[in-house]
PDB file of N, CA and C in Angstrom:
ATOM      1  N   MET A   1     108.415  91.086 110.127  1.00  0.00           N
ATOM      2  CA  MET A   1     109.831  90.323 109.253  1.00  0.00           C
ATOM      3  C   MET A   1     109.688  92.170 108.156  1.00  0.00           C
ATOM      4  N   ALA A   2     108.150  91.759 107.684  1.00  0.00           N
ATOM      5  CA  ALA A   2     108.181  93.414 107.298  1.00  0.00           C
ATOM      6  C   ALA A   2     107.843  94.979 107.745  1.00  0.00           C
ATOM      7  N   THR A   3     107.823  94.913 108.119  1.00  0.00           N
ATOM      8  CA  THR A   3     107.251  96.633 109.376  1.00  0.00           C
ATOM      9  C   THR A   3     108.893  96.809 109.858  1.00  0.00           C
ATOM     10  N   ARG A   4     110.016  95.849 109.908  1.00  0.00           N
ATOM     11  CA  ARG A   4     111.383  96.436 110.361  1.00  0.00           C
ATOM     12  C   ARG A   4     112.146  97.157 108.755  1.00  0.00           C
ATOM     13  N   TYR A   5     111.905  95.924 107.728  1.00  0.00           N
ATOM     14  CA  TYR A   5     111.921  96.917 106.173  1.00  0.00           C
ATOM     15  C   TYR A   5     111.505  97.837 105.218  1.00  0.00           C
ATOM     16  N   VAL A   6     110.156  97.596 105.777  1.00  0.00           N
ATOM     17  CA  VAL A   6     109.412  98.348 104.662  1.00  0.00           C
ATOM     18  C   VAL A   6     108.840 100.547 105.420  1.00  0.00           C
ATOM     19  N   PRO A   7     109.122 101.363 105.284  1.00  0.00           N
ATOM     20  CA  PRO A   7     108.218 102.189 106.080  1.00  0.00           C
ATOM     21  C   PRO A   7     106.987 102.096 105.655  1.00  0.00           C
ATOM     22  N   ASP A   8     105.873 102.337 107.013  1.00  0.00           N
ATOM     23  CA  ASP A   8     104.831 102.150 106.781  1.00  0.00           C
ATOM     24  C   ASP A   8     104.409 103.310 105.678  1.00  0.00           C
ATOM     25  N   ASP A   9     104.334 103.975 105.079  1.00  0.00           N
ATOM     26  CA  ASP A   9     104.088 104.520 103.873  1.00  0.00           C
ATOM     27  C   ASP A   9     104.139 103.725 103.075  1.00  0.00           C
ATOM     28  N   VAL A  10     105.255 103.300 102.634  1.00  0.00           N
ATOM     29  CA  VAL A  10     105.688 102.150 102.342  1.00  0.00           C
ATOM     30  C   VAL A  10     104.395 101.251 101.683  1.00  0.00           C
ATOM     31  N   ARG A  11     104.533 100.578 102.672  1.00  0.00           N
ATOM     32  CA  ARG A  11     103.739  99.511 103.364  1.00  0.00           C
ATOM     33  C   ARG A  11     101.912 100.017 102.520  1.00  0.00           C
ATOM     34  N   ASP A  12     101.640 101.039 103.504  1.00  0.00           N
ATOM     35  CA  ASP A  12     100.581 101.660 103.371  1.00  0.00           C
ATOM     36  C   ASP A  12     100.122 101.850 101.764  1.00  0.00           C
ATOM     37  N   PHE A  13     101.212 102.028 100.926  1.00  0.00           N
ATOM     38  CA  PHE A  13     100.802 102.129  99.474  1.00  0.00           C
ATOM     39  C   PHE A  13     100.807 101.024  98.879  1.00  0.00           C
ATOM     40  N   ILE A  14     101.550  99.639  99.355  1.00  0.00           N
ATOM     41  CA  ILE A  14     101.152  97.926  98.964  1.00  0.00           C
ATOM     42  C   ILE A  14      99.994  97.849  99.008  1.00  0.00           C
ATOM     43  N   LEU A  15      99.349  98.152 100.447  1.00  0.00           N
ATOM     44  CA  LEU A  15      98.252  97.658 100.829  1.00  0.00           C
ATOM     45  C   LEU A  15      97.209  98.190 100.048  1.00  0.00           C
ATOM     46  N   LYS A  16      97.492  99.497  99.841  1.00  0.00           N
ATOM     47  CA  LYS A  16      96.538 100.164  98.713  1.00  0.00           C
ATOM     48  C   LYS A  16      95.947  99.601  97.520  1.00  0.00           C
ATOM     49  N   HIS A  17      97.057  99.517  96.616  1.00  0.00           N
ATOM     50  CA  HIS A  17      97.534 100.203  95.858  1.00  0.00           C
ATOM     51  C   HIS A  17      98.078  98.456  95.126  1.00  0.00           C
ATOM     52  N   ILE A  18      98.433  97.261  95.526  1.00  0.00           N
ATOM     53  CA  ILE A  18      99.163  96.289  94.813  1.00  0.00           C
ATOM     54  C   ILE A  18      98.618  95.176  95.304  1.00  0.00           C
ATOM     55  N   ALA A  19      98.029  94.337  94.695  1.00  0.00           N
ATOM     56  CA  ALA A  19      97.629  92.856  95.289  1.00  0.00           C
ATOM     57  C   ALA A  19      98.800  92.038  94.793  1.00  0.00           C
ATOM     58  N   SER A  20      99.101  91.394  93.926  1.00  0.00           N
ATOM     59  CA  SER A  20     100.542  90.778  93.459  1.00  0.00           C
ATOM     60  C   SER A  20     101.843  91.632  93.250  1.00  0.00           C
ATOM     61  N   VAL A  21     102.607  90.181  92.501  1.00  0.00           N
ATOM     62  CA  VAL A  21     104.298  91.017  92.905  1.00  0.00           C
ATOM     63  C   VAL A  21     103.660  90.661  90.931  1.00  0.00           C
ATOM     64  N   ALA A  22     103.160  90.499  90.371  1.00  0.00           N
ATOM     65  CA  ALA A  22     102.815  90.802  89.475  1.00  0.00           C
ATOM     66  C   ALA A  22     102.760  92.105  88.978  1.00  0.00           C
ATOM     67  N   GLN A  23     101.862  92.522  90.028  1.00  0.00           N
ATOM     68  CA  GLN A  23     101.423  93.963  89.942  1.00  0.00           C
ATOM     69  C   GLN A  23     102.320  95.263  90.148  1.00  0.00           C
ATOM     70  N   ILE A  24     103.226  94.592  91.709  1.00  0.00           N
ATOM     71  CA  ILE A  24     104.796  95.287  91.636  1.00  0.00           C
ATOM     72  C   ILE A  24     105.522  94.986  90.032  1.00  0.00           C
ATOM     73  N   GLU A  25     106.203  94.455  89.932  1.00  0.00           N
ATOM     74  CA  GLU A  25     106.496  94.255  88.867  1.00  0.00           C
ATOM     75  C   GLU A  25     106.496  94.936  87.298  1.00  0.00           C
ATOM     76  N   SER A  26     105.194  94.705  87.000  1.00  0.00           N
ATOM     77  CA  SER A  26     104.949  95.926  86.478  1.00  0.00           C
ATOM     78  C   SER A  26     104.831  96.785  86.097  1.00  0.00           C
ATOM     79  N   LEU A  27     104.563  97.389  86.922  1.00  0.00           N
ATOM     80  CA  LEU A  27     104.355  98.884  87.954  1.00  0.00           C
ATOM     81  C   LEU A  27     106.078  99.324  87.543  1.00  0.00           C
ATOM     82  N   LEU A  28     107.058  98.964  88.368  1.00  0.00           N
ATOM     83  CA  LEU A  28     108.229  99.131  88.613  1.00  0.00           C
ATOM     84  C   LEU A  28     109.244  99.047  87.075  1.00  0.00           C
ATOM     85  N   LEU A  29     108.554  98.070  86.443  1.00  0.00           N
ATOM     86  CA  LEU A  29     109.202  97.688  85.196  1.00  0.00           C
ATOM     87  C   LEU A  29     109.113  99.425  84.659  1.00  0.00           C
ATOM     88  N   ILE A  30     108.052  99.388  84.423  1.00  0.00           N
ATOM     89  CA  ILE A  30     107.352 100.628  83.389  1.00  0.00           C
ATOM     90  C   ILE A  30     107.953 101.539  84.058  1.00  0.00           C
ATOM     91  N   TRP A  31     107.866 102.379  85.479  1.00  0.00           N
ATOM     92  CA  TRP A  31     108.339 103.276  86.421  1.00  0.00           C
ATOM     93  C   TRP A  31     110.082 103.210  85.490  1.00  0.00           C
ATOM     94  N   SER A  32     110.257 102.107  85.579  1.00  0.00           N
ATOM     95  CA  SER A  32     112.191 102.098  85.542  1.00  0.00           C
ATOM     96  C   SER A  32     112.542 102.527  83.746  1.00  0.00           C
ATOM     97  N   SER A  33     111.405 102.325  82.644  1.00  0.00           N
ATOM     98  CA  SER A  33     111.845 103.145  81.657  1.00  0.00           C
ATOM     99  C   SER A  33     110.657 103.290  80.518  1.00  0.00           C
ATOM    100  N   PRO A  34     110.118 104.887  81.444  1.00  0.00           N
ATOM    101  CA  PRO A  34     108.405 105.397  80.656  1.00  0.00           C
ATOM    102  C   PRO A  34     109.285 105.876  79.621  1.00  0.00           C
ATOM    103  N   GLU A  35     110.144 105.848  78.293  1.00  0.00           N
ATOM    104  CA  GLU A  35     110.463 105.836  77.693  1.00  0.00           C
ATOM    105  C   GLU A  35     109.567 104.750  76.617  1.00  0.00           C
ATOM    106  N   GLU A  36     109.596 103.960  77.209  1.00  0.00           N
ATOM    107  CA  GLU A  36     109.591 102.764  76.611  1.00  0.00           C
ATOM    108  C   GLU A  36     108.252 102.180  75.939  1.00  0.00           C
ATOM    109  N   ARG A  37     107.238 101.859  75.072  1.00  0.00           N
ATOM    110  CA  ARG A  37     106.907 101.543  74.389  1.00  0.00           C
ATOM    111  C   ARG A  37     105.653 100.308  75.029  1.00  0.00           C
ATOM    112  N   TRP A  38     105.009 100.158  75.984  1.00  0.00           N
ATOM    113  CA  TRP A  38     105.017  99.121  76.740  1.00  0.00           C
ATOM    114  C   TRP A  38     104.101  98.270  76.436  1.00  0.00           C
ATOM    115  N   GLY A  39     103.707  96.961  76.029  1.00  0.00           N
ATOM    116  CA  GLY A  39     102.550  96.342  75.547  1.00  0.00           C
ATOM    117  C   GLY A  39     102.262  95.166  76.799  1.00  0.00           C
ATOM    118  N   LEU A  40     100.983  94.347  76.038  1.00  0.00           N
ATOM    119  CA  LEU A  40     101.247  93.958  76.983  1.00  0.00           C
ATOM    120  C   LEU A  40     101.850  92.199  77.389  1.00  0.00           C
ATOM    121  N   ARG A  41     101.986  91.849  76.699  1.00  0.00           N
ATOM    122  CA  ARG A  41     103.104  91.056  75.932  1.00  0.00           C
ATOM    123  C   ARG A  41     104.661  90.765  76.293  1.00  0.00           C
ATOM    124  N   GLN A  42     104.906  92.794  76.176  1.00  0.00           N
ATOM    125  CA  GLN A  42     106.315  92.773  76.537  1.00  0.00           C
ATOM    126  C   GLN A  42     106.422  92.465  78.119  1.00  0.00           C
ATOM    127  N   ILE A  43     105.342  93.254  78.558  1.00  0.00           N
ATOM    128  CA  ILE A  43     105.272  93.706  79.721  1.00  0.00           C
ATOM    129  C   ILE A  43     105.576  92.110  80.744  1.00  0.00           C
ATOM    130  N   ALA A  44     103.984  90.838  80.079  1.00  0.00           N
ATOM    131  CA  ALA A  44     104.452  89.440  80.694  1.00  0.00           C
ATOM    132  C   ALA A  44     105.489  88.758  80.421  1.00  0.00           C
ATOM    133  N   ALA A  45     106.589  89.442  79.163  1.00  0.00           N
ATOM    134  CA  ALA A  45     107.878  88.134  79.170  1.00  0.00           C
ATOM    135  C   ALA A  45     108.797  88.677  80.142  1.00  0.00           C
ATOM    136  N   ARG A  46     108.822  90.270  80.307  1.00  0.00           N
ATOM    137  CA  ARG A  46     109.277  90.887  80.913  1.00  0.00           C
ATOM    138  C   ARG A  46     109.880  89.878  82.274  1.00  0.00           C
ATOM    139  N   ILE A  47     107.861  90.109  82.788  1.00  0.00           N
ATOM    140  CA  ILE A  47     108.133  89.406  84.280  1.00  0.00           C
ATOM    141  C   ILE A  47     107.547  87.882  84.788  1.00  0.00           C
ATOM    142  N   TYR A  48     107.977  87.833  83.571  1.00  0.00           N
ATOM    143  CA  TYR A  48     107.804  86.294  83.584  1.00  0.00           C
ATOM    144  C   TYR A  48     106.361  85.935  84.195  1.00  0.00           C
ATOM    145  N   ALA A  49     105.364  86.642  83.550  1.00  0.00           N
ATOM    146  CA  ALA A  49     103.686  85.913  83.631  1.00  0.00           C
ATOM    147  C   ALA A  49     103.729  85.867  82.918  1.00  0.00           C
ATOM    148  N   SER A  50     101.989  84.561  83.107  1.00  0.00           N
ATOM    149  CA  SER A  50     101.221  84.899  81.743  1.00  0.00           C
ATOM    150  C   SER A  50     100.904  86.346  81.128  1.00  0.00           C
ATOM    151  N   ASP A  51     100.098  86.073  79.968  1.00  0.00           N
ATOM    152  CA  ASP A  51     100.044  87.121  79.446  1.00  0.00           C
ATOM    153  C   ASP A  51      98.133  87.225  80.488  1.00  0.00           C
ATOM    154  N   PRO A  52      97.542  86.437  80.267  1.00  0.00           N
ATOM    155  CA  PRO A  52      96.297  86.773  81.358  1.00  0.00           C
ATOM    156  C   PRO A  52      96.622  87.009  83.095  1.00  0.00           C
ATOM    157  N   GLU A  53      97.678  86.796  83.348  1.00  0.00           N
ATOM    158  CA  GLU A  53      97.641  86.867  85.106  1.00  0.00           C
ATOM    159  C   GLU A  53      98.284  88.428  84.649  1.00  0.00           C
ATOM    160  N   THR A  54      98.999  88.424  83.790  1.00  0.00           N
ATOM    161  CA  THR A  54      99.901  90.211  83.689  1.00  0.00           C
ATOM    162  C   THR A  54      98.458  90.981  82.950  1.00  0.00           C
ATOM    163  N   GLU A  55      97.636  90.965  82.236  1.00  0.00           N
ATOM    164  CA  GLU A  55      96.628  91.685  81.889  1.00  0.00           C
ATOM    165  C   GLU A  55      95.773  91.933  83.509  1.00  0.00           C
ATOM    166  N   LYS A  56      95.403  91.087  84.092  1.00  0.00           N
ATOM    167  CA  LYS A  56      94.721  91.847  85.698  1.00  0.00           C
ATOM    168  C   LYS A  56      96.112  92.017  86.328  1.00  0.00           C
ATOM    169  N   ALA A  57      96.994  92.448  86.824  1.00  0.00           N
ATOM    170  CA  ALA A  57      97.320  92.578  87.689  1.00  0.00           C
ATOM    171  C   ALA A  57      98.004  94.477  86.835  1.00  0.00           C
ATOM    172  N   LEU A  58      97.810  94.444  85.336  1.00  0.00           N
ATOM    173  CA  LEU A  58      97.196  95.844  84.219  1.00  0.00           C
ATOM    174  C   LEU A  58      96.094  96.493  84.785  1.00  0.00           C
ATOM    175  N   ALA A  59      94.940  95.445  84.637  1.00  0.00           N
ATOM    176  CA  ALA A  59      93.919  96.787  85.121  1.00  0.00           C
ATOM    177  C   ALA A  59      94.163  96.789  86.283  1.00  0.00           C
ATOM    178  N   GLY A  60      94.020  96.099  87.110  1.00  0.00           N
ATOM    179  CA  GLY A  60      93.588  96.784  89.037  1.00  0.00           C
ATOM    180  C   GLY A  60      94.887  98.203  88.508  1.00  0.00           C
ATOM    181  N   LEU A  61      96.582  98.221  88.465  1.00  0.00           N
ATOM    182  CA  LEU A  61      97.005  99.222  88.520  1.00  0.00           C
ATOM    183  C   LEU A  61      96.615 100.784  87.484  1.00  0.00           C
ATOM    184  N   CYS A  62      95.520 100.125  86.074  1.00  0.00           N
ATOM    185  CA  CYS A  62      95.106 101.089  85.362  1.00  0.00           C
ATOM    186  C   CYS A  62      93.252 101.532  86.534  1.00  0.00           C
ATOM    187  N   ALA A  63      93.115 100.461  86.869  1.00  0.00           N
ATOM    188  CA  ALA A  63      92.098 100.945  87.659  1.00  0.00           C
ATOM    189  C   ALA A  63      92.094 101.700  89.562  1.00  0.00           C
ATOM    190  N   ASP A  64      93.366 101.906  89.315  1.00  0.00           N
ATOM    191  CA  ASP A  64      93.969 102.344  90.651  1.00  0.00           C
ATOM    192  C   ASP A  64      94.838 103.926  89.968  1.00  0.00           C
ATOM    193  N   GLY A  65      94.733 103.626  88.690  1.00  0.00           N
ATOM    194  CA  GLY A  65      95.434 105.435  88.220  1.00  0.00           C
ATOM    195  C   GLY A  65      96.949 105.426  88.773  1.00  0.00           C
ATOM    196  N   LEU A  66      97.587 104.529  88.430  1.00  0.00           N
ATOM    197  CA  LEU A  66      98.717 104.369  88.408  1.00  0.00           C
ATOM    198  C   LEU A  66      99.371 104.462  86.883  1.00  0.00           C
ATOM    199  N   LEU A  67      98.755 103.785  86.090  1.00  0.00           N
ATOM    200  CA  LEU A  67      98.860 103.385  84.473  1.00  0.00           C
ATOM    201  C   LEU A  67      97.541 103.500  83.974  1.00  0.00           C
ATOM    202  N   VAL A  68      98.554 104.242  82.720  1.00  0.00           N
ATOM    203  CA  VAL A  68      97.273 104.429  81.940  1.00  0.00           C
ATOM    204  C   VAL A  68      96.931 103.805  80.601  1.00  0.00           C
ATOM    205  N   CYS A  69      96.572 103.408  79.820  1.00  0.00           N
ATOM    206  CA  CYS A  69      96.715 102.251  78.451  1.00  0.00           C
ATOM    207  C   CYS A  69      96.065 102.973  77.596  1.00  0.00           C
ATOM    208  N   LYS A  70      95.914 103.416  76.533  1.00  0.00           N
ATOM    209  CA  LYS A  70      96.056 103.868  75.132  1.00  0.00           C
ATOM    210  C   LYS A  70      96.676 102.289  73.857  1.00  0.00           C
ATOM    211  N   GLY A  71      95.782 102.487  72.602  1.00  0.00           N
ATOM    212  CA  GLY A  71      96.233 101.258  71.948  1.00  0.00           C
ATOM    213  C   GLY A  71      96.568 100.331  72.322  1.00  0.00           C
ATOM    214  N   GLY A  72      96.708 100.052  73.568  1.00  0.00           N
ATOM    215  CA  GLY A  72      97.595  98.991  74.088  1.00  0.00           C
ATOM    216  C   GLY A  72      98.949  98.950  74.621  1.00  0.00           C
ATOM    217  N   VAL A  73      98.927 100.379  74.774  1.00  0.00           N
ATOM    218  CA  VAL A  73     100.690 100.478  74.856  1.00  0.00           C
ATOM    219  C   VAL A  73      99.774 100.987  76.615  1.00  0.00           C
ATOM    220  N   PHE A  74     100.852 100.857  77.614  1.00  0.00           N
ATOM    221  CA  PHE A  74     100.831 101.455  78.731  1.00  0.00           C
ATOM    222  C   PHE A  74     102.041 101.949  79.230  1.00  0.00           C
ATOM    223  N   ARG A  75     101.438 103.080  80.609  1.00  0.00           N
ATOM    224  CA  ARG A  75     102.327 104.213  80.220  1.00  0.00           C
ATOM    225  C   ARG A  75     102.140 105.067  81.685  1.00  0.00           C
ATOM    226  N   LEU A  76     103.344 105.024  82.721  1.00  0.00           N
ATOM    227  CA  LEU A  76     102.546 105.851  84.350  1.00  0.00           C
ATOM    228  C   LEU A  76     101.631 106.629  83.344  1.00  0.00           C
ATOM    229  N   GLY A  77     100.787 106.924  85.048  1.00  0.00           N
ATOM    230  CA  GLY A  77      99.567 108.062  84.990  1.00  0.00           C
ATOM    231  C   GLY A  77      99.320 108.709  86.174  1.00  0.00           C
ATOM    232  N   THR A  78      99.881 108.929  86.744  1.00  0.00           N
ATOM    233  CA  THR A  78     100.226 108.817  88.528  1.00  0.00           C
ATOM    234  C   THR A  78     100.357 109.833  88.873  1.00  0.00           C
ATOM    235  N   SER A  79      99.990 110.472  90.142  1.00  0.00           N
ATOM    236  CA  SER A  79      99.929 112.056  90.194  1.00  0.00           C
ATOM    237  C   SER A  79     101.828 111.691  90.837  1.00  0.00           C
ATOM    238  N   ALA A  80     101.922 113.077  91.533  1.00  0.00           N
ATOM    239  CA  ALA A  80     103.723 113.094  91.578  1.00  0.00           C
ATOM    240  C   ALA A  80     103.489 112.750  92.654  1.00  0.00           C
ATOM    241  N   GLU A  81     102.880 112.640  93.629  1.00  0.00           N
ATOM    242  CA  GLU A  81     102.691 111.544  94.731  1.00  0.00           C
ATOM    243  C   GLU A  81     103.279 110.648  94.581  1.00  0.00           C
ATOM    244  N   ASN A  82     102.161 110.161  93.973  1.00  0.00           N
ATOM    245  CA  ASN A  82     102.195 108.706  93.828  1.00  0.00           C
ATOM    246  C   ASN A  82     103.764 108.275  93.211  1.00  0.00           C
ATOM    247  N   ALA A  83     104.037 109.115  92.287  1.00  0.00           N
ATOM    248  CA  ALA A  83     105.765 108.854  91.425  1.00  0.00           C
ATOM    249  C   ALA A  83     106.138 108.883  92.147  1.00  0.00           C
ATOM    250  N   GLU A  84     106.388 109.578  93.285  1.00  0.00           N
ATOM    251  CA  GLU A  84     107.381 109.852  94.168  1.00  0.00           C
ATOM    252  C   GLU A  84     107.919 108.181  95.237  1.00  0.00           C
ATOM    253  N   MET A  85     106.177 107.959  95.446  1.00  0.00           N
ATOM    254  CA  MET A  85     106.073 106.487  96.217  1.00  0.00           C
ATOM    255  C   MET A  85     106.573 105.158  95.580  1.00  0.00           C
ATOM    256  N   ILE A  86     106.145 105.260  94.104  1.00  0.00           N
ATOM    257  CA  ILE A  86     106.959 104.237  93.202  1.00  0.00           C
ATOM    258  C   ILE A  86     108.212 104.787  93.440  1.00  0.00           C
ATOM    259  N   ARG A  87     109.275 105.636  93.315  1.00  0.00           N
ATOM    260  CA  ARG A  87     110.324 105.701  93.349  1.00  0.00           C
ATOM    261  C   ARG A  87     110.466 104.579  94.415  1.00  0.00           C
ATOM    262  N   ARG A  88     110.238 105.357  95.391  1.00  0.00           N
ATOM    263  CA  ARG A  88     110.677 104.782  97.449  1.00  0.00           C
ATOM    264  C   ARG A  88     110.531 103.369  96.996  1.00  0.00           C
ATOM    265  N   LEU A  89     108.777 103.064  96.711  1.00  0.00           N
ATOM    266  CA  LEU A  89     109.013 100.961  96.634  1.00  0.00           C
ATOM    267  C   LEU A  89     109.925 100.460  95.512  1.00  0.00           C
ATOM    268  N   GLN A  90     110.517 101.069  94.902  1.00  0.00           N
ATOM    269  CA  GLN A  90     111.374 101.002  94.114  1.00  0.00           C
ATOM    270  C   GLN A  90     112.394 100.563  94.772  1.00  0.00           C
ATOM    271  N   GLU A  91     113.569 101.275  95.062  1.00  0.00           N
ATOM    272  CA  GLU A  91     114.192 101.466  96.575  1.00  0.00           C
ATOM    273  C   GLU A  91     114.441 100.379  97.602  1.00  0.00           C
ATOM    274  N   VAL A  92     112.764 100.624  98.235  1.00  0.00           N
ATOM    275  CA  VAL A  92     112.563  98.728  99.412  1.00  0.00           C
ATOM    276  C   VAL A  92     112.404  97.978  98.753  1.00  0.00           C
ATOM    277  N   TYR A  93     111.579  98.013  97.674  1.00  0.00           N
ATOM    278  CA  TYR A  93     111.974  96.425  96.962  1.00  0.00           C
ATOM    279  C   TYR A  93     113.221  96.219  96.305  1.00  0.00           C
ATOM    280  N   ALA A  94     114.351  96.746  95.946  1.00  0.00           N
ATOM    281  CA  ALA A  94     115.402  96.349  95.554  1.00  0.00           C
ATOM    282  C   ALA A  94     116.108  95.461  96.638  1.00  0.00           C
ATOM    283  N   ARG A  95     115.609  96.403  97.363  1.00  0.00           N
ATOM    284  CA  ARG A  95     117.286  96.040  99.536  1.00  0.00           C
ATOM    285  C   ARG A  95     116.362  95.246  99.507  1.00  0.00           C
ATOM    286  N   HIS A  96     114.824  94.594 100.120  1.00  0.00           N
ATOM    287  CA  HIS A  96     114.061  94.490 100.791  1.00  0.00           C
ATOM    288  C   HIS A  96     112.890  93.561 100.460  1.00  0.00           C
ATOM    289  N   LEU A  97     113.383  92.997  98.854  1.00  0.00           N
ATOM    290  CA  LEU A  97     112.564  91.512  98.291  1.00  0.00           C
ATOM    291  C   LEU A  97     111.588  90.915  98.783  1.00  0.00           C
ATOM    292  N   VAL A  98     111.956  90.033 100.321  1.00  0.00           N
ATOM    293  CA  VAL A  98     111.358  89.375 100.779  1.00  0.00           C
ATOM    294  C   VAL A  98     110.216  90.098 102.116  1.00  0.00           C
ATOM    295  N   ALA A  99     110.800  91.199 101.991  1.00  0.00           N
ATOM    296  CA  ALA A  99     109.778  91.951 103.455  1.00  0.00           C
ATOM    297  C   ALA A  99     108.630  92.500 102.496  1.00  0.00           C
ATOM    298  N   VAL A 100     109.444  93.006 100.964  1.00  0.00           N
ATOM    299  CA  VAL A 100     107.996  94.046 100.444  1.00  0.00           C
ATOM    300  C   VAL A 100     106.767  92.490  99.881  1.00  0.00           C
ATOM    301  N   THR A 101     107.687  91.118  99.537  1.00  0.00           N
ATOM    302  CA  THR A 101     106.555  90.793  98.753  1.00  0.00           C
ATOM    303  C   THR A 101     105.671  89.914 100.656  1.00  0.00           C
ATOM    304  N   ASP A 102     106.135  89.872 101.150  1.00  0.00           N
ATOM    305  CA  ASP A 102     105.198  89.801 102.627  1.00  0.00           C
ATOM    306  C   ASP A 102     104.681  90.247 102.624  1.00  0.00           C
ATOM    307  N   VAL A 103     104.346  91.599 102.418  1.00  0.00           N
ATOM    308  CA  VAL A 103     103.640  92.801 102.575  1.00  0.00           C
ATOM    309  C   VAL A 103     101.963  92.444 101.589  1.00  0.00           C
ATOM    310  N   ILE A 104     102.744  92.185 100.332  1.00  0.00           N
ATOM    311  CA  ILE A 104     102.435  92.213  99.257  1.00  0.00           C
ATOM    312  C   ILE A 104     100.377  90.629 100.356  1.00  0.00           C
ATOM    313  N   HIS A 105     101.499  89.718 100.355  1.00  0.00           N
ATOM    314  CA  HIS A 105     101.045  88.204 100.414  1.00  0.00           C
ATOM    315  C   HIS A 105     100.236  87.841 102.048  1.00  0.00           C
ATOM    316  N   SER A 106     100.622  89.426 102.726  1.00  0.00           N
ATOM    317  CA  SER A 106      99.820  89.384 104.001  1.00  0.00           C
ATOM    318  C   SER A 106      98.125  90.277 103.719  1.00  0.00           C
ATOM    319  N   LYS A 107      98.030  90.644 102.806  1.00  0.00           N
ATOM    320  CA  LYS A 107      96.738  90.963 101.538  1.00  0.00           C
ATOM    321  C   LYS A 107      95.741  89.949 102.113  1.00  0.00           C
ATOM    322  N   SER A 108      96.576  88.754 100.961  1.00  0.00           N
ATOM    323  CA  SER A 108      95.108  87.725 101.489  1.00  0.00           C
ATOM    324  C   SER A 108      95.300  87.010 102.542  1.00  0.00           C
ATOM    325  N   ARG A 109      95.878  86.935 103.238  1.00  0.00           N
ATOM    326  CA  ARG A 109      96.261  86.077 104.996  1.00  0.00           C
ATOM    327  C   ARG A 109      95.026  86.636 105.403  1.00  0.00           C
ATOM    328  N   ASN A 110      94.976  88.178 105.300  1.00  0.00           N
ATOM    329  CA  ASN A 110      94.270  88.772 106.245  1.00  0.00           C
ATOM    330  C   ASN A 110      93.178  88.987 106.233  1.00  0.00           C
ATOM    331  N   ILE A 111      92.634  88.636 105.079  1.00  0.00           N
ATOM    332  CA  ILE A 111      91.225  88.718 104.392  1.00  0.00           C
ATOM    333  C   ILE A 111      90.452  87.494 105.519  1.00  0.00           C
ATOM    334  N   LEU A 112      89.060  87.264 106.170  1.00  0.00           N
ATOM    335  CA  LEU A 112      89.028  86.565 106.821  1.00  0.00           C
ATOM    336  C   LEU A 112      87.563  86.364 106.204  1.00  0.00           C
ATOM    337  N   PRO A 113      86.809  85.233 106.092  1.00  0.00           N
ATOM    338  CA  PRO A 113      85.508  84.912 105.916  1.00  0.00           C
ATOM    339  C   PRO A 113      84.075  85.523 106.906  1.00  0.00           C
ATOM    340  N   ALA A 114      83.426  86.568 106.638  1.00  0.00           N
ATOM    341  CA  ALA A 114      82.626  86.846 107.678  1.00  0.00           C
ATOM    342  C   ALA A 114      81.815  86.330 108.174  1.00  0.00           C
ATOM    343  N   ALA A 115      81.531  86.535 109.389  1.00  0.00           N
ATOM    344  CA  ALA A 115      81.066  85.666 110.340  1.00  0.00           C
ATOM    345  C   ALA A 115      79.487  84.580 109.778  1.00  0.00           C
ATOM    346  N   ASP A 116      79.056  83.563 110.362  1.00  0.00           N
ATOM    347  CA  ASP A 116      77.971  83.916 109.072  1.00  0.00           C
ATOM    348  C   ASP A 116      77.002  84.189 110.446  1.00  0.00           C
ATOM    349  N   THR A 117      76.238  85.100 110.160  1.00  0.00           N
ATOM    350  CA  THR A 117      75.361  84.967 111.769  1.00  0.00           C
ATOM    351  C   THR A 117      73.512  84.786 111.526  1.00  0.00           C
ATOM    352  N   SER A 118      73.711  83.720 110.237  1.00  0.00           N
ATOM    353  CA  SER A 118      72.018  83.220 110.509  1.00  0.00           C
ATOM    354  C   SER A 118      72.148  81.230 110.456  1.00  0.00           C
ATOM    355  N   GLY A 119      71.550  80.767 110.514  1.00  0.00           N
ATOM    356  CA  GLY A 119      71.471  79.815 110.382  1.00  0.00           C
ATOM    357  C   GLY A 119      71.200  78.793 111.775  1.00  0.00           C
ATOM    358  N   PRO A 120      71.139  77.232 111.879  1.00  0.00           N
ATOM    359  CA  PRO A 120      70.818  76.637 112.836  1.00  0.00           C
ATOM    360  C   PRO A 120      71.099  77.059 113.923  1.00  0.00           C
ATOM    361  N   GLY A 121      70.585  77.380 114.873  1.00  0.00           N
ATOM    362  CA  GLY A 121      71.044  77.935 116.384  1.00  0.00           C
ATOM    363  C   GLY A 121      71.126  79.286 116.362  1.00  0.00           C
ATOM    364  N   LYS A 122      71.032  79.756 115.791  1.00  0.00           N
ATOM    365  CA  LYS A 122      71.266  81.788 115.814  1.00  0.00           C
ATOM    366  C   LYS A 122      70.099  82.311 115.854  1.00  0.00           C
ATOM    367  N   GLU A 123      69.736  83.717 116.797  1.00  0.00           N
ATOM    368  CA  GLU A 123      68.704  84.155 116.108  1.00  0.00           C
ATOM    369  C   GLU A 123      68.688  85.175 115.369  1.00  0.00           C
ATOM    370  N   GLN A 124      67.626  85.596 115.208  1.00  0.00           N
ATOM    371  CA  GLN A 124      67.386  86.387 114.086  1.00  0.00           C
ATOM    372  C   GLN A 124      66.612  86.869 114.468  1.00  0.00           C
TER     373      GLN A 124
END
């Protein structure tokens, strides 16, 4: 279903940068009101997530360069290209929430454990 509603470039952006619904909600919240001073607890309350879950989400977004944190305040810290992609992501998410969350959740479904090639019955 996601391929029908989520453009390929938006899907690729999600797969590269978004690991959870908390991440997309945090990113879009900050993107929608960049003039606000967004602290961890304020974000967690707005996205209905725990502080630890929100902290993990924000850390991932900062590590990817989409957000920056100075003095406990989060803001966008992204390139013009990524800012345009975030704008498009917001549009798609607003219209096709289920399809976007399917893409996010597909990341964890597509991770398969590596085959064990050592052990009994395996040549070394």
